[in-house]
Protein backbone atom coordinates (compact mmCIF):
# COMPACT_ATOMS: atom_id res chain seq x y z
CA UNK A 1 -5.80 10.08 -2.20
CA UNK A 2 -5.37 7.18 -4.63
CA UNK A 3 -4.95 3.70 -3.18
CA UNK A 4 -2.14 1.31 -4.06
CA UNK A 5 -1.92 -2.47 -3.77
CA UNK A 6 1.52 -4.14 -3.70
CA UNK A 7 2.19 -7.77 -4.67
CA UNK A 8 5.57 -9.50 -4.30
CA UNK A 9 6.53 -12.92 -2.94
CA UNK A 10 9.58 -11.46 -1.17
CA UNK A 11 8.67 -9.76 2.17
CA UNK A 12 11.81 -7.65 2.07
CA UNK A 13 10.94 -6.40 -1.42
CA UNK A 14 7.49 -5.37 -0.20
CA UNK A 15 8.96 -3.52 2.76
CA UNK A 16 11.58 -1.82 0.57
CA UNK A 17 8.96 -0.62 -1.89
CA UNK A 18 6.70 0.70 0.89
CA UNK A 19 9.65 2.58 2.40
CA UNK A 20 11.11 3.89 -0.87
CA UNK A 21 9.00 7.08 -0.79
CA UNK A 22 6.52 8.88 1.43
CA UNK A 23 3.50 7.86 -0.63
CA UNK A 24 1.10 10.41 0.82
CA UNK A 25 3.34 13.24 -0.42
CA UNK A 26 2.42 12.22 -3.96
CA UNK A 27 -1.30 11.59 -3.44
CA UNK A 28 -1.10 7.82 -2.87
CA UNK A 29 -1.56 5.44 0.08
CA UNK A 30 -0.44 1.81 0.26
CA UNK A 31 -3.67 0.12 1.38
CA UNK A 32 -3.05 -3.58 0.77
CA UNK A 33 -0.50 -6.22 -0.15
CA UNK A 34 -0.07 -9.90 -0.96
CA UNK A 35 2.78 -12.38 -1.42
CA UNK A 36 1.38 -14.51 -4.23
CA UNK A 37 -0.74 -13.88 -7.29
CA UNK A 38 -3.92 -15.69 -6.26
CA UNK A 39 -3.98 -14.03 -2.86
CA UNK A 40 -3.44 -10.71 -4.62
CA UNK A 41 -6.34 -11.34 -6.99
CA UNK A 42 -8.74 -12.07 -4.11
CA UNK A 43 -7.71 -8.99 -2.15
CA UNK A 44 -7.75 -6.71 -5.19
CA UNK A 45 -11.32 -7.79 -5.92
CA UNK A 46 -12.36 -6.87 -2.37
CA UNK A 47 -10.43 -3.59 -2.19
CA UNK A 48 -10.74 -2.14 -5.67
CA UNK A 49 -7.41 -0.22 -5.55
CA UNK A 50 -6.57 2.50 -8.05
CA UNK A 51 -3.04 1.26 -8.74
CA UNK A 52 -1.51 -2.22 -8.51
CA UNK A 53 2.29 -2.67 -8.41
CA UNK A 54 3.10 -6.34 -8.86
CA UNK A 55 6.20 -8.45 -9.21
CA UNK A 56 6.14 -10.57 -12.35
CA UNK A 57 7.57 -13.74 -10.81
CA UNK A 58 5.26 -14.97 -8.04
CA UNK A 59 3.91 -18.37 -6.96
CA UNK A 60 0.29 -19.31 -7.62
CA UNK A 61 -0.21 -16.78 -10.41
CA UNK A 62 2.54 -14.68 -11.92
CA UNK A 63 2.28 -10.95 -12.52
CA UNK A 64 1.46 -11.25 -16.21
CA UNK A 65 -1.39 -13.69 -15.51
CA UNK A 66 -2.62 -11.37 -12.75
CA UNK A 67 -2.59 -8.42 -15.15
CA UNK A 68 -4.38 -10.43 -17.84
CA UNK A 69 -7.08 -11.53 -15.37
CA UNK A 70 -7.59 -7.96 -14.16
CA UNK A 71 -8.13 -6.83 -17.75
CA UNK A 72 -10.45 -9.73 -18.55
CA UNK A 73 -12.58 -8.84 -15.51
CA UNK A 74 -12.56 -5.21 -16.65
CA UNK A 75 -11.35 -3.91 -13.31
CA UNK A 76 -10.28 -0.33 -13.77
CA UNK A 77 -7.04 -0.29 -11.77
CA UNK A 78 -3.82 0.85 -13.42
CA UNK A 79 -0.98 -1.71 -13.20
CA UNK A 80 2.79 -1.38 -12.89
CA UNK A 81 4.82 -4.59 -13.17
CA UNK A 82 8.19 -5.18 -11.50
CA UNK A 83 10.83 -7.74 -12.39
CA UNK A 84 14.36 -8.61 -11.38
CA UNK A 85 15.08 -9.42 -15.01
CA UNK A 86 15.52 -7.04 -17.93
CA UNK A 87 13.51 -9.27 -20.22
CA UNK A 88 12.08 -7.58 -23.31
CA UNK A 89 9.49 -10.34 -23.81
CA UNK A 90 8.01 -9.66 -20.36
CA UNK A 91 7.84 -5.95 -21.12
CA UNK A 92 6.23 -6.58 -24.52
CA UNK A 93 3.52 -8.81 -23.07
CA UNK A 94 2.92 -6.40 -20.18
CA UNK A 95 2.28 -3.54 -22.60
CA UNK A 96 0.07 -5.79 -24.71
CA UNK A 97 -2.16 -6.43 -21.67
CA UNK A 98 -2.46 -2.73 -20.88
CA UNK A 99 0.27 -2.28 -18.29
CA UNK A 100 1.04 1.38 -17.63
CA UNK A 101 4.71 0.69 -17.00
CA UNK A 102 7.50 -1.80 -16.28
CA UNK A 103 10.03 -1.39 -13.46
CA UNK A 104 13.27 -3.33 -13.00
CA UNK A 105 14.46 -4.35 -9.51
CA UNK A 106 15.83 -2.76 -7.48
CA UNK A 107 13.17 -0.11 -8.09
CA UNK A 108 14.66 3.37 -8.22
CA UNK A 109 12.90 6.28 -6.53
CA UNK A 110 13.19 8.59 -9.55
CA UNK A 111 11.66 6.06 -11.93
CA UNK A 112 8.84 5.19 -9.52
CA UNK A 113 7.96 8.87 -9.05
CA UNK A 114 7.87 9.40 -12.81
CA UNK A 115 5.38 6.55 -13.16
CA UNK A 116 3.30 7.78 -10.21
CA UNK A 117 2.95 11.17 -11.87
CA UNK A 118 1.84 9.45 -15.07
CA UNK A 119 -0.65 7.24 -13.20
CA UNK A 120 -2.04 10.16 -11.20
CA UNK A 121 -2.73 12.07 -14.43
CA UNK A 122 -4.46 9.02 -15.92
CA UNK A 123 -6.61 8.52 -12.82
CA UNK A 124 -7.51 12.21 -12.60
CA UNK A 125 -8.74 12.19 -16.19
CA UNK A 126 -10.54 8.88 -15.74
CA UNK A 127 -12.54 10.00 -12.71
CA UNK A 128 -13.18 13.45 -14.14
CA UNK A 129 -14.78 11.81 -17.18
CA UNK A 130 -16.91 9.55 -14.99
CA UNK A 131 -18.89 12.27 -13.24
CA UNK A 132 -20.69 15.43 -14.39
CA UNK A 133 -19.00 18.67 -13.45
CA UNK A 134 -15.70 16.87 -12.94
CA UNK A 135 -16.75 15.41 -9.60
CA UNK A 136 -16.25 11.77 -8.89
CA UNK A 137 -19.62 10.16 -8.25
CA UNK A 138 -18.21 7.86 -5.61
CA UNK A 139 -17.01 10.85 -3.60
CA UNK A 140 -20.42 12.47 -3.89
CA UNK A 141 -21.91 9.39 -2.26
CA UNK A 142 -19.51 9.82 0.67
CA UNK A 143 -19.17 7.01 3.17
CA UNK A 144 -22.12 5.05 1.82
CA UNK A 145 -19.66 3.19 -0.32
CA UNK A 146 -17.94 0.44 1.67
CA UNK A 147 -14.93 0.62 -0.61
CA UNK A 148 -14.52 4.35 -0.10
CA UNK A 149 -15.09 4.03 3.64
CA UNK A 150 -12.30 1.48 4.00
CA UNK A 151 -9.94 3.53 1.85
CA UNK A 152 -10.58 6.59 4.00
CA UNK A 153 -10.06 4.62 7.19
CA UNK A 154 -6.75 3.16 5.96
CA UNK A 155 -5.61 6.66 4.96
CA UNK A 156 -6.60 7.93 8.41
CA UNK A 157 -4.56 5.18 10.07
CA UNK A 158 -1.53 6.05 7.94
CA UNK A 159 -1.81 9.73 8.84
CA UNK A 160 -2.55 9.39 12.59
CA UNK A 161 -0.65 6.24 13.62
CA UNK A 162 1.66 8.17 15.97
CA UNK A 163 -1.17 9.64 18.05
CA UNK A 164 -2.05 6.62 20.19
CA UNK A 165 -4.69 5.59 17.67
CA UNK A 166 -7.10 2.84 18.77
CA UNK A 167 -9.95 1.01 17.08
CA UNK A 168 -12.35 2.89 19.36
CA UNK A 169 -10.93 6.24 18.19
CA UNK A 170 -11.20 5.17 14.54
CA UNK A 171 -14.81 4.10 15.06
CA UNK A 172 -15.60 7.46 16.64
CA UNK A 173 -13.92 9.38 13.82
CA UNK A 174 -16.04 7.60 11.20
CA UNK A 175 -19.17 7.30 13.37
CA UNK A 176 -19.31 3.53 13.05
CA UNK A 177 -19.51 0.55 15.40
CA UNK A 178 -16.11 -0.89 16.38
CA UNK A 179 -16.93 -4.48 15.47
CA UNK A 180 -18.37 -3.35 12.13
CA UNK A 181 -15.31 -1.41 11.01
CA UNK A 182 -12.97 -4.09 12.34
CA UNK A 183 -14.61 -6.79 10.23
CA UNK A 184 -15.00 -4.46 7.24
CA UNK A 185 -11.32 -3.51 7.13
CA UNK A 186 -10.33 -7.17 7.38
CA UNK A 187 -12.84 -8.20 4.72
CA UNK A 188 -11.82 -5.54 2.21
CA UNK A 189 -8.03 -5.50 2.68
CA UNK A 190 -7.16 -8.92 4.09
CA UNK A 191 -5.49 -7.23 7.08
CA UNK A 192 -6.95 -6.08 10.37
CA UNK A 193 -6.80 -2.64 12.01
CA UNK A 194 -3.83 -3.69 14.16
CA UNK A 195 -1.83 -4.86 11.15
CA UNK A 196 -2.40 -1.59 9.27
CA UNK A 197 -1.42 0.41 12.36
CA UNK A 198 1.71 -1.65 12.97
CA UNK A 199 2.84 -1.42 9.34
CA UNK A 200 2.42 2.37 9.29
CA UNK A 201 4.46 2.67 12.49
CA UNK A 202 7.24 0.33 11.34
CA UNK A 203 7.47 2.07 7.97
CA UNK A 204 7.90 5.47 9.65
CA UNK A 205 10.35 4.03 12.19
CA UNK A 206 12.54 2.75 9.36
CA UNK A 207 12.47 6.19 7.78
CA UNK A 208 13.66 7.74 11.05
CA UNK A 209 16.34 5.06 11.43
CA UNK A 210 17.65 5.86 7.95
CA UNK A 211 17.44 9.64 8.03
CA UNK A 212 18.04 10.73 11.65
CA UNK A 213 20.44 10.16 14.51
CA UNK A 214 17.60 10.02 17.03
CA UNK A 215 17.89 7.40 19.75
CA UNK A 216 15.88 4.23 19.40
CA UNK A 217 13.82 5.26 22.43
CA UNK A 218 12.97 8.60 20.81
CA UNK A 219 12.01 6.93 17.52
CA UNK A 220 9.80 4.44 19.34
CA UNK A 221 7.93 7.27 21.04
CA UNK A 222 7.61 9.25 17.78
CA UNK A 223 5.86 6.39 15.99
CA UNK A 224 3.43 5.62 18.80
CA UNK A 225 5.28 3.11 21.00
CA UNK A 226 6.04 4.74 24.39
CA UNK A 227 7.38 1.38 25.60
CA UNK A 228 10.75 0.99 23.86
CA UNK A 229 11.06 -2.74 24.66
CA UNK A 230 7.65 -3.46 23.18
CA UNK A 231 8.58 -1.44 20.10
CA UNK A 232 11.72 -3.54 19.65
CA UNK A 233 9.73 -6.75 19.96
CA UNK A 234 7.11 -5.61 17.41
CA UNK A 235 9.77 -4.31 15.03
CA UNK A 236 11.73 -7.56 15.07
CA UNK A 237 8.60 -9.64 14.55
CA UNK A 238 7.61 -7.50 11.56
CA UNK A 239 10.99 -7.26 9.84
CA UNK A 240 13.07 -10.17 11.13
CA UNK A 241 15.74 -7.97 12.74
CA UNK A 242 15.92 -5.48 15.59
CA UNK A 243 15.85 -1.71 14.92
CA UNK A 244 19.45 -1.49 16.17
CA UNK A 245 20.54 -4.17 13.69
CA UNK A 246 18.67 -2.44 10.88
CA UNK A 247 20.47 0.82 11.61
CA UNK A 248 23.89 -0.88 11.77
CA UNK A 249 23.49 -2.38 8.32
CA UNK A 250 22.70 0.94 6.63
């Protein structure tokens, strides 16, 4: 599973991109995000994601400056830039700095999937070249790597969010102390266990709201919220509207 970091100063754009596809179906997991360039840079340094998808126009540090800094620091992540403007100069500079692609808002599913296939092939070749026998050295070291441990934990949260997952269960799964993994996840991703769990649940809830006629109560239970009223409260806090309002505007 390759790990993706998203950067955009518009919360709705972040949510839309996270919900555009089922990332795990294509070998990726969204493991971190930020709403300005400097915050993104700090979190990317801690996380070490495999792919960064960043808006070009952001406060603090724009996407081009973020890409340039990543290349200057020789971080090995692939980068896709996104812009609401079809500006050739942006695209030219992005390619000059080693950007793997350039997406125009609103991002289309087909175009994103084409780039993800390209990025996956690049990453496969990169890691195959890094280790003898085609095995990635970092994987051979297992959970001794903090970076890999956090990535595996975030992936586990995204795959098991509907099963009443708790921090205690996560700690048991990875044979670690609860306080240790809690602080490690926060340190490496900028978000705590509860935030990752909530985001995974809300993302799946939105998918159900878009693609099924299930009742709101049934959807709440499916994503891990047996208390429908609590689900509604969490959903509205995360997205700004209620699940019923979200469904009505589709």
